[in-house]
């Protein structure tokens, strides 16, 4: 209810309520971040069992060729596939 000068009460216009709703509906939308760590690779991950002895050889090769363990495994597999039988 709204009071006017003469003391009479007048109901608020329904247009006012609609106008406020429309103005409030135009608020800025914020794109929420997804939970969890972001993806680091695009290729699928494959698990493989490797003996400690073989892993030691792979790591030694990686150190000699300036490669991480994962990179050493990938490069050695590629080299193995290129070798002719």
PDB file of N, CA and C in Angstrom:
ATOM      1  N   UNK A   1       0.833  -1.177   0.000  1.00  0.00           N
ATOM      2  CA  UNK A   1       0.000   0.000   0.000  1.00  0.00           C
ATOM      3  C   UNK A   1       0.882   1.246   0.000  1.00  0.00           C
ATOM      4  N   UNK A   2       0.441   2.238  -0.701  1.00  0.00           N
ATOM      5  CA  UNK A   2       1.176   3.483  -0.799  1.00  0.00           C
ATOM      6  C   UNK A   2       0.293   4.600  -0.271  1.00  0.00           C
ATOM      7  N   UNK A   3       0.857   5.501   0.527  1.00  0.00           N
ATOM      8  CA  UNK A   3       0.073   6.629   1.041  1.00  0.00           C
ATOM      9  C   UNK A   3       0.259   7.828   0.135  1.00  0.00           C
ATOM     10  N   UNK A   4      -0.792   8.547  -0.079  1.00  0.00           N
ATOM     11  CA  UNK A   4      -0.731   9.791  -0.854  1.00  0.00           C
ATOM     12  C   UNK A   4      -0.882  10.957   0.092  1.00  0.00           C
ATOM     13  N   UNK A   5      -0.745  12.205  -0.377  1.00  0.00           N
ATOM     14  CA  UNK A   5      -0.750  13.386   0.491  1.00  0.00           C
ATOM     15  C   UNK A   5      -1.979  13.519   1.375  1.00  0.00           C
ATOM     16  N   UNK A   6      -3.116  13.229   0.853  1.00  0.00           N
ATOM     17  CA  UNK A   6      -4.330  13.448   1.621  1.00  0.00           C
ATOM     18  C   UNK A   6      -4.542  12.395   2.684  1.00  0.00           C
ATOM     19  N   UNK A   7      -3.653  11.395   2.741  1.00  0.00           N
ATOM     20  CA  UNK A   7      -3.780  10.379   3.765  1.00  0.00           C
ATOM     21  C   UNK A   7      -4.493   9.134   3.279  1.00  0.00           C
ATOM     22  N   UNK A   8      -5.015   9.154   2.075  1.00  0.00           N
ATOM     23  CA  UNK A   8      -5.698   7.982   1.528  1.00  0.00           C
ATOM     24  C   UNK A   8      -4.657   6.948   1.092  1.00  0.00           C
ATOM     25  N   UNK A   9      -5.011   5.702   1.196  1.00  0.00           N
ATOM     26  CA  UNK A   9      -4.100   4.637   0.787  1.00  0.00           C
ATOM     27  C   UNK A   9      -4.478   4.141  -0.595  1.00  0.00           C
ATOM     28  N   UNK A  10      -3.475   3.938  -1.419  1.00  0.00           N
ATOM     29  CA  UNK A  10      -3.703   3.467  -2.780  1.00  0.00           C
ATOM     30  C   UNK A  10      -2.827   2.240  -2.989  1.00  0.00           C
ATOM     31  N   UNK A  11      -3.348   1.205  -3.618  1.00  0.00           N
ATOM     32  CA  UNK A  11      -2.575  -0.007  -3.894  1.00  0.00           C
ATOM     33  C   UNK A  11      -1.512   0.256  -4.954  1.00  0.00           C
ATOM     34  N   UNK A  12      -0.397  -0.447  -4.861  1.00  0.00           N
ATOM     35  CA  UNK A  12       0.675  -0.292  -5.846  1.00  0.00           C
ATOM     36  C   UNK A  12       0.230  -0.856  -7.188  1.00  0.00           C
ATOM     37  N   UNK A  13       0.697  -0.242  -8.231  1.00  0.00           N
ATOM     38  CA  UNK A  13       0.330  -0.650  -9.580  1.00  0.00           C
ATOM     39  C   UNK A  13       0.962  -2.006  -9.898  1.00  0.00           C
ATOM     40  N   UNK A  14       0.219  -2.925 -10.486  1.00  0.00           N
ATOM     41  CA  UNK A  14       0.792  -4.220 -10.869  1.00  0.00           C
ATOM     42  C   UNK A  14       1.866  -4.050 -11.949  1.00  0.00           C
ATOM     43  N   UNK A  15       1.791  -2.953 -12.711  1.00  0.00           N
ATOM     44  CA  UNK A  15       2.796  -2.693 -13.733  1.00  0.00           C
ATOM     45  C   UNK A  15       4.168  -2.477 -13.087  1.00  0.00           C
ATOM     46  N   UNK A  16       4.175  -1.868 -11.912  1.00  0.00           N
ATOM     47  CA  UNK A  16       5.431  -1.607 -11.217  1.00  0.00           C
ATOM     48  C   UNK A  16       6.109  -2.923 -10.827  1.00  0.00           C
ATOM     49  N   UNK A  17       5.337  -3.848 -10.327  1.00  0.00           N
ATOM     50  CA  UNK A  17       5.897  -5.138  -9.927  1.00  0.00           C
ATOM     51  C   UNK A  17       6.465  -5.873 -11.140  1.00  0.00           C
ATOM     52  N   UNK A  18       5.774  -5.836 -12.270  1.00  0.00           N
ATOM     53  CA  UNK A  18       6.250  -6.501 -13.484  1.00  0.00           C
ATOM     54  C   UNK A  18       7.525  -5.820 -13.986  1.00  0.00           C
ATOM     55  N   UNK A  19       7.573  -4.515 -13.948  1.00  0.00           N
ATOM     56  CA  UNK A  19       8.743  -3.767 -14.407  1.00  0.00           C
ATOM     57  C   UNK A  19       9.965  -4.115 -13.570  1.00  0.00           C
ATOM     58  N   UNK A  20       9.819  -4.183 -12.265  1.00  0.00           N
ATOM     59  CA  UNK A  20      10.933  -4.543 -11.400  1.00  0.00           C
ATOM     60  C   UNK A  20      11.417  -5.958 -11.686  1.00  0.00           C
ATOM     61  N   UNK A  21      10.489  -6.864 -11.946  1.00  0.00           N
ATOM     62  CA  UNK A  21      10.857  -8.245 -12.235  1.00  0.00           C
ATOM     63  C   UNK A  21      11.675  -8.312 -13.526  1.00  0.00           C
ATOM     64  N   UNK A  22      11.236  -7.593 -14.548  1.00  0.00           N
ATOM     65  CA  UNK A  22      11.933  -7.623 -15.834  1.00  0.00           C
ATOM     66  C   UNK A  22      13.320  -7.011 -15.695  1.00  0.00           C
ATOM     67  N   UNK A  23      13.463  -5.944 -14.951  1.00  0.00           N
ATOM     68  CA  UNK A  23      14.758  -5.306 -14.759  1.00  0.00           C
ATOM     69  C   UNK A  23      15.690  -6.254 -13.998  1.00  0.00           C
ATOM     70  N   UNK A  24      15.192  -6.915 -12.983  1.00  0.00           N
ATOM     71  CA  UNK A  24      16.023  -7.817 -12.195  1.00  0.00           C
ATOM     72  C   UNK A  24      16.406  -9.065 -12.986  1.00  0.00           C
ATOM     73  N   UNK A  25      15.583  -9.474 -13.930  1.00  0.00           N
ATOM     74  CA  UNK A  25      15.866 -10.678 -14.700  1.00  0.00           C
ATOM     75  C   UNK A  25      17.061 -10.494 -15.630  1.00  0.00           C
ATOM     76  N   UNK A  26      17.482  -9.277 -15.904  1.00  0.00           N
ATOM     77  CA  UNK A  26      18.578  -9.009 -16.825  1.00  0.00           C
ATOM     78  C   UNK A  26      19.931  -8.974 -16.122  1.00  0.00           C
ATOM     79  N   UNK A  27      20.069  -9.642 -15.013  1.00  0.00           N
ATOM     80  CA  UNK A  27      21.341  -9.630 -14.296  1.00  0.00           C
ATOM     81  C   UNK A  27      22.412 -10.362 -15.096  1.00  0.00           C
ATOM     82  N   UNK A  28      23.653 -10.098 -14.797  1.00  0.00           N
ATOM     83  CA  UNK A  28      24.773 -10.687 -15.508  1.00  0.00           C
ATOM     84  C   UNK A  28      24.888 -12.164 -15.128  1.00  0.00           C
ATOM     85  N   UNK A  29      25.035 -13.000 -16.133  1.00  0.00           N
ATOM     86  CA  UNK A  29      25.205 -14.426 -15.860  1.00  0.00           C
ATOM     87  C   UNK A  29      26.699 -14.742 -15.775  1.00  0.00           C
ATOM     88  N   UNK A  30      27.041 -15.571 -14.833  1.00  0.00           N
ATOM     89  CA  UNK A  30      28.435 -15.956 -14.620  1.00  0.00           C
ATOM     90  C   UNK A  30      28.572 -17.424 -14.974  1.00  0.00           C
ATOM     91  N   UNK A  31      29.539 -17.745 -15.841  1.00  0.00           N
ATOM     92  CA  UNK A  31      29.771 -19.132 -16.210  1.00  0.00           C
ATOM     93  C   UNK A  31      30.545 -19.809 -15.085  1.00  0.00           C
ATOM     94  N   UNK A  32      29.932 -20.796 -14.462  1.00  0.00           N
ATOM     95  CA  UNK A  32      30.555 -21.493 -13.343  1.00  0.00           C
ATOM     96  C   UNK A  32      31.611 -22.458 -13.833  1.00  0.00           C
ATOM     97  N   UNK A  33      32.679 -22.588 -13.058  1.00  0.00           N
ATOM     98  CA  UNK A  33      33.743 -23.526 -13.382  1.00  0.00           C
ATOM     99  C   UNK A  33      33.308 -24.928 -12.978  1.00  0.00           C
ATOM    100  N   UNK A  34      33.784 -25.899 -13.732  1.00  0.00           N
ATOM    101  CA  UNK A  34      33.490 -27.286 -13.399  1.00  0.00           C
ATOM    102  C   UNK A  34      34.374 -27.719 -12.237  1.00  0.00           C
ATOM    103  N   UNK A  35      33.843 -28.587 -11.412  1.00  0.00           N
ATOM    104  CA  UNK A  35      34.602 -29.080 -10.266  1.00  0.00           C
ATOM    105  C   UNK A  35      35.659 -30.067 -10.728  1.00  0.00           C
ATOM    106  N   UNK A  36      36.761 -30.113 -10.021  1.00  0.00           N
ATOM    107  CA  UNK A  36      37.800 -31.082 -10.314  1.00  0.00           C
ATOM    108  C   UNK A  36      38.921 -30.515 -11.157  1.00  0.00           C
ATOM    109  N   UNK A  37      39.920 -31.324 -11.331  1.00  0.00           N
ATOM    110  CA  UNK A  37      41.104 -30.929 -12.089  1.00  0.00           C
ATOM    111  C   UNK A  37      40.784 -30.921 -13.582  1.00  0.00           C
ATOM    112  N   UNK A  38      41.283 -29.934 -14.320  1.00  0.00           N
ATOM    113  CA  UNK A  38      41.026 -29.917 -15.756  1.00  0.00           C
ATOM    114  C   UNK A  38      41.775 -31.046 -16.467  1.00  0.00           C
ATOM    115  N   UNK A  39      41.265 -31.459 -17.590  1.00  0.00           N
ATOM    116  CA  UNK A  39      41.878 -32.526 -18.366  1.00  0.00           C
ATOM    117  C   UNK A  39      43.249 -32.097 -18.864  1.00  0.00           C
ATOM    118  N   UNK A  40      44.219 -32.993 -18.813  1.00  0.00           N
ATOM    119  CA  UNK A  40      45.574 -32.650 -19.234  1.00  0.00           C
ATOM    120  C   UNK A  40      45.936 -33.268 -20.577  1.00  0.00           C
ATOM    121  N   UNK A  41      45.315 -34.326 -20.962  1.00  0.00           N
ATOM    122  CA  UNK A  41      45.663 -34.995 -22.212  1.00  0.00           C
ATOM    123  C   UNK A  41      44.431 -35.285 -23.036  1.00  0.00           C
ATOM    124  N   UNK A  42      44.649 -35.516 -24.321  1.00  0.00           N
ATOM    125  CA  UNK A  42      43.516 -35.816 -25.189  1.00  0.00           C
ATOM    126  C   UNK A  42      43.464 -37.297 -25.545  1.00  0.00           C
ATOM    127  N   UNK A  43      44.589 -37.994 -25.439  1.00  0.00           N
ATOM    128  CA  UNK A  43      44.618 -39.408 -25.760  1.00  0.00           C
ATOM    129  C   UNK A  43      44.142 -40.230 -24.563  1.00  0.00           C
ATOM    130  N   UNK A  44      43.587 -41.411 -24.826  1.00  0.00           N
ATOM    131  CA  UNK A  44      43.155 -42.262 -23.706  1.00  0.00           C
ATOM    132  C   UNK A  44      44.358 -42.799 -22.926  1.00  0.00           C
ATOM    133  N   UNK A  45      44.128 -43.119 -21.684  1.00  0.00           N
ATOM    134  CA  UNK A  45      45.170 -43.639 -20.805  1.00  0.00           C
ATOM    135  C   UNK A  45      45.105 -45.162 -20.812  1.00  0.00           C
ATOM    136  N   UNK A  46      46.268 -45.805 -20.980  1.00  0.00           N
ATOM    137  CA  UNK A  46      46.347 -47.259 -20.970  1.00  0.00           C
ATOM    138  C   UNK A  46      47.264 -47.693 -19.839  1.00  0.00           C
ATOM    139  N   UNK A  47      46.806 -48.631 -19.053  1.00  0.00           N
ATOM    140  CA  UNK A  47      47.611 -49.164 -17.962  1.00  0.00           C
ATOM    141  C   UNK A  47      48.319 -50.431 -18.414  1.00  0.00           C
ATOM    142  N   UNK A  48      49.538 -50.621 -17.934  1.00  0.00           N
ATOM    143  CA  UNK A  48      50.300 -51.803 -18.309  1.00  0.00           C
ATOM    144  C   UNK A  48      51.146 -52.224 -17.109  1.00  0.00           C
ATOM    145  N   UNK A  49      51.297 -53.522 -16.938  1.00  0.00           N
ATOM    146  CA  UNK A  49      52.138 -54.024 -15.849  1.00  0.00           C
ATOM    147  C   UNK A  49      53.544 -54.252 -16.381  1.00  0.00           C
ATOM    148  N   UNK A  50      54.521 -53.674 -15.681  1.00  0.00           N
ATOM    149  CA  UNK A  50      55.924 -53.788 -16.083  1.00  0.00           C
ATOM    150  C   UNK A  50      56.724 -54.208 -14.859  1.00  0.00           C
ATOM    151  N   UNK A  51      57.610 -55.167 -15.045  1.00  0.00           N
ATOM    152  CA  UNK A  51      58.429 -55.635 -13.922  1.00  0.00           C
ATOM    153  C   UNK A  51      59.383 -54.529 -13.479  1.00  0.00           C
ATOM    154  N   UNK A  52      59.846 -54.634 -12.242  1.00  0.00           N
ATOM    155  CA  UNK A  52      60.777 -53.626 -11.716  1.00  0.00           C
ATOM    156  C   UNK A  52      62.067 -53.572 -12.534  1.00  0.00           C
ATOM    157  N   UNK A  53      62.538 -54.740 -12.969  1.00  0.00           N
ATOM    158  CA  UNK A  53      63.768 -54.802 -13.757  1.00  0.00           C
ATOM    159  C   UNK A  53      63.607 -54.067 -15.093  1.00  0.00           C
ATOM    160  N   UNK A  54      62.501 -54.336 -15.777  1.00  0.00           N
ATOM    161  CA  UNK A  54      62.240 -53.677 -17.061  1.00  0.00           C
ATOM    162  C   UNK A  54      62.031 -52.171 -16.873  1.00  0.00           C
ATOM    163  N   UNK A  55      61.338 -51.782 -15.804  1.00  0.00           N
ATOM    164  CA  UNK A  55      61.115 -50.358 -15.538  1.00  0.00           C
ATOM    165  C   UNK A  55      62.442 -49.665 -15.271  1.00  0.00           C
ATOM    166  N   UNK A  56      63.350 -50.324 -14.591  1.00  0.00           N
ATOM    167  CA  UNK A  56      64.675 -49.763 -14.358  1.00  0.00           C
ATOM    168  C   UNK A  56      65.410 -49.509 -15.667  1.00  0.00           C
ATOM    169  N   UNK A  57      65.299 -50.455 -16.601  1.00  0.00           N
ATOM    170  CA  UNK A  57      65.936 -50.284 -17.908  1.00  0.00           C
ATOM    171  C   UNK A  57      65.303 -49.130 -18.677  1.00  0.00           C
ATOM    172  N   UNK A  58      63.984 -49.018 -18.594  1.00  0.00           N
ATOM    173  CA  UNK A  58      63.275 -47.924 -19.277  1.00  0.00           C
ATOM    174  C   UNK A  58      63.697 -46.575 -18.694  1.00  0.00           C
ATOM    175  N   UNK A  59      63.766 -46.485 -17.369  1.00  0.00           N
ATOM    176  CA  UNK A  59      64.159 -45.231 -16.736  1.00  0.00           C
ATOM    177  C   UNK A  59      65.604 -44.872 -17.059  1.00  0.00           C
ATOM    178  N   UNK A  60      66.474 -45.862 -17.134  1.00  0.00           N
ATOM    179  CA  UNK A  60      67.872 -45.612 -17.500  1.00  0.00           C
ATOM    180  C   UNK A  60      67.944 -45.067 -18.918  1.00  0.00           C
ATOM    181  N   UNK A  61      67.204 -45.683 -19.834  1.00  0.00           N
ATOM    182  CA  UNK A  61      67.160 -45.211 -21.215  1.00  0.00           C
ATOM    183  C   UNK A  61      66.612 -43.787 -21.270  1.00  0.00           C
ATOM    184  N   UNK A  62      65.585 -43.509 -20.463  1.00  0.00           N
ATOM    185  CA  UNK A  62      64.999 -42.169 -20.427  1.00  0.00           C
ATOM    186  C   UNK A  62      65.985 -41.117 -19.949  1.00  0.00           C
ATOM    187  N   UNK A  63      66.764 -41.446 -18.920  1.00  0.00           N
ATOM    188  CA  UNK A  63      67.781 -40.501 -18.421  1.00  0.00           C
ATOM    189  C   UNK A  63      68.840 -40.233 -19.483  1.00  0.00           C
ATOM    190  N   UNK A  64      69.260 -41.286 -20.185  1.00  0.00           N
ATOM    191  CA  UNK A  64      70.282 -41.138 -21.221  1.00  0.00           C
ATOM    192  C   UNK A  64      69.780 -40.340 -22.426  1.00  0.00           C
ATOM    193  N   UNK A  65      68.473 -40.333 -22.642  1.00  0.00           N
ATOM    194  CA  UNK A  65      67.891 -39.668 -23.814  1.00  0.00           C
ATOM    195  C   UNK A  65      67.033 -38.461 -23.445  1.00  0.00           C
ATOM    196  N   UNK A  66      67.211 -37.950 -22.242  1.00  0.00           N
ATOM    197  CA  UNK A  66      66.483 -36.752 -21.763  1.00  0.00           C
ATOM    198  C   UNK A  66      64.972 -36.880 -21.955  1.00  0.00           C
ATOM    199  N   UNK A  67      64.422 -37.954 -21.429  1.00  0.00           N
ATOM    200  CA  UNK A  67      62.987 -38.196 -21.565  1.00  0.00           C
ATOM    201  C   UNK A  67      62.406 -38.574 -20.200  1.00  0.00           C
ATOM    202  N   UNK A  68      61.177 -38.168 -19.974  1.00  0.00           N
ATOM    203  CA  UNK A  68      60.471 -38.592 -18.764  1.00  0.00           C
ATOM    204  C   UNK A  68      60.136 -40.078 -18.907  1.00  0.00           C
ATOM    205  N   UNK A  69      59.678 -40.681 -17.831  1.00  0.00           N
ATOM    206  CA  UNK A  69      59.349 -42.103 -17.877  1.00  0.00           C
ATOM    207  C   UNK A  69      58.253 -42.384 -18.900  1.00  0.00           C
ATOM    208  N   UNK A  70      57.194 -41.569 -18.891  1.00  0.00           N
ATOM    209  CA  UNK A  70      56.091 -41.773 -19.838  1.00  0.00           C
ATOM    210  C   UNK A  70      56.563 -41.581 -21.278  1.00  0.00           C
ATOM    211  N   UNK A  71      57.343 -40.528 -21.489  1.00  0.00           N
ATOM    212  CA  UNK A  71      57.851 -40.263 -22.830  1.00  0.00           C
ATOM    213  C   UNK A  71      58.793 -41.377 -23.284  1.00  0.00           C
ATOM    214  N   UNK A  72      59.610 -41.881 -22.385  1.00  0.00           N
ATOM    215  CA  UNK A  72      60.528 -42.972 -22.718  1.00  0.00           C
ATOM    216  C   UNK A  72      59.755 -44.209 -23.148  1.00  0.00           C
ATOM    217  N   UNK A  73      58.701 -44.539 -22.431  1.00  0.00           N
ATOM    218  CA  UNK A  73      57.888 -45.713 -22.788  1.00  0.00           C
ATOM    219  C   UNK A  73      57.286 -45.521 -24.170  1.00  0.00           C
ATOM    220  N   UNK A  74      56.704 -44.326 -24.428  1.00  0.00           N
ATOM    221  CA  UNK A  74      56.103 -44.071 -25.736  1.00  0.00           C
ATOM    222  C   UNK A  74      57.142 -44.173 -26.857  1.00  0.00           C
ATOM    223  N   UNK A  75      58.309 -43.548 -26.660  1.00  0.00           N
ATOM    224  CA  UNK A  75      59.340 -43.556 -27.693  1.00  0.00           C
ATOM    225  C   UNK A  75      59.890 -44.957 -27.933  1.00  0.00           C
ATOM    226  N   UNK A  76      60.078 -45.729 -26.868  1.00  0.00           N
ATOM    227  CA  UNK A  76      60.583 -47.100 -27.032  1.00  0.00           C
ATOM    228  C   UNK A  76      59.571 -47.977 -27.763  1.00  0.00           C
ATOM    229  N   UNK A  77      58.295 -47.795 -27.501  1.00  0.00           N
ATOM    230  CA  UNK A  77      57.264 -48.566 -28.219  1.00  0.00           C
ATOM    231  C   UNK A  77      57.288 -48.184 -29.696  1.00  0.00           C
ATOM    232  N   UNK A  78      57.400 -46.880 -29.999  1.00  0.00           N
ATOM    233  CA  UNK A  78      57.458 -46.436 -31.401  1.00  0.00           C
ATOM    234  C   UNK A  78      58.689 -47.019 -32.105  1.00  0.00           C
ATOM    235  N   UNK A  79      59.838 -47.001 -31.429  1.00  0.00           N
ATOM    236  CA  UNK A  79      61.064 -47.571 -31.998  1.00  0.00           C
ATOM    237  C   UNK A  79      60.879 -49.067 -32.248  1.00  0.00           C
ATOM    238  N   UNK A  80      60.273 -49.754 -31.285  1.00  0.00           N
ATOM    239  CA  UNK A  80      60.029 -51.191 -31.435  1.00  0.00           C
ATOM    240  C   UNK A  80      59.107 -51.523 -32.595  1.00  0.00           C
ATOM    241  N   UNK A  81      58.127 -50.665 -32.852  1.00  0.00           N
ATOM    242  CA  UNK A  81      57.202 -50.920 -33.965  1.00  0.00           C
ATOM    243  C   UNK A  81      57.839 -50.643 -35.322  1.00  0.00           C
ATOM    244  N   UNK A  82      58.852 -49.787 -35.349  1.00  0.00           N
ATOM    245  CA  UNK A  82      59.527 -49.463 -36.620  1.00  0.00           C
ATOM    246  C   UNK A  82      60.556 -50.506 -37.024  1.00  0.00           C
ATOM    247  N   UNK A  83      61.054 -51.280 -36.080  1.00  0.00           N
ATOM    248  CA  UNK A  83      62.088 -52.274 -36.358  1.00  0.00           C
ATOM    249  C   UNK A  83      61.498 -53.365 -37.256  1.00  0.00           C
ATOM    250  N   UNK A  84      62.227 -53.686 -38.318  1.00  0.00           N
ATOM    251  CA  UNK A  84      61.776 -54.748 -39.230  1.00  0.00           C
ATOM    252  C   UNK A  84      62.178 -56.102 -38.671  1.00  0.00           C
ATOM    253  N   UNK A  85      61.327 -57.061 -38.817  1.00  0.00           N
ATOM    254  CA  UNK A  85      61.591 -58.410 -38.315  1.00  0.00           C
ATOM    255  C   UNK A  85      62.444 -59.188 -39.277  1.00  0.00           C
TER     256      UNK A  85
END
